[in-house]
Amino acid sequence: MIVTSTNTIEGREVLRYFDPISATAVIGANALSAIRSELRRYLRWALSQL
């Protein structure tokens, strides 16, 4: 099976067309705040090591 986003393939016969499939990935609502809190935690630890 050849998968392509064009409607022709040189030297091949197209036997079947499939409808486009789309998907959406959602990052967690608190992803940025979680990253920020981890960074803050790391900085507190790094400063305590000085």
Protein backbone atom coordinates (compact mmCIF):
# COMPACT_ATOMS: atom_id res chain seq x y z
CA MET A 1 0.00 0.00 0.00
CA ILE A 2 1.29 3.44 -0.90
CA VAL A 3 0.05 6.34 1.19
CA THR A 4 0.33 9.80 -0.30
CA SER A 5 -1.30 13.21 -0.05
CA THR A 6 -1.44 13.68 -3.83
CA ASN A 7 -4.23 12.56 -6.12
CA THR A 8 -1.95 10.84 -8.67
CA ILE A 9 1.04 8.52 -8.53
CA GLU A 10 3.14 8.30 -11.66
CA GLY A 11 3.07 4.79 -13.11
CA ARG A 12 0.41 3.54 -10.66
CA GLU A 13 -3.35 3.19 -10.78
CA VAL A 14 -5.29 4.60 -7.85
CA LEU A 15 -7.69 1.92 -6.67
CA ARG A 16 -9.31 3.61 -3.67
CA TYR A 17 -9.48 7.05 -2.10
CA PHE A 18 -9.82 7.42 1.65
CA ASP A 19 -11.38 10.41 3.33
CA PRO A 20 -8.95 12.63 5.21
CA ILE A 21 -8.56 11.85 8.89
CA SER A 22 -7.72 14.57 11.34
CA ALA A 23 -6.79 14.47 14.98
CA THR A 24 -6.19 17.03 17.65
CA ALA A 25 -3.76 16.70 20.51
CA VAL A 26 -4.53 18.71 23.60
CA ILE A 27 -1.82 19.55 26.08
CA GLY A 28 -3.05 19.54 29.66
CA ALA A 29 -4.62 22.77 30.83
CA ASN A 30 -2.02 23.16 33.56
CA ALA A 31 1.03 22.18 31.50
CA LEU A 32 2.67 25.61 31.62
CA SER A 33 2.06 26.07 35.33
CA ALA A 34 3.48 22.59 35.99
CA ILE A 35 6.62 23.42 34.02
CA ARG A 36 6.94 26.74 35.85
CA SER A 37 6.60 25.09 39.26
CA GLU A 38 9.20 22.44 38.39
CA LEU A 39 11.59 25.14 37.24
CA ARG A 40 10.99 27.08 40.46
CA ARG A 41 11.61 23.93 42.51
CA TYR A 42 14.87 23.27 40.66
CA LEU A 43 16.04 26.87 41.13
CA ARG A 44 15.33 26.72 44.87
CA TRP A 45 17.36 23.51 45.09
CA ALA A 46 20.22 24.96 43.02
CA LEU A 47 20.38 28.11 45.15
CA SER A 48 20.40 26.07 48.36
CA GLN A 49 23.49 24.23 47.08
CA LEU A 50 25.55 27.46 46.91
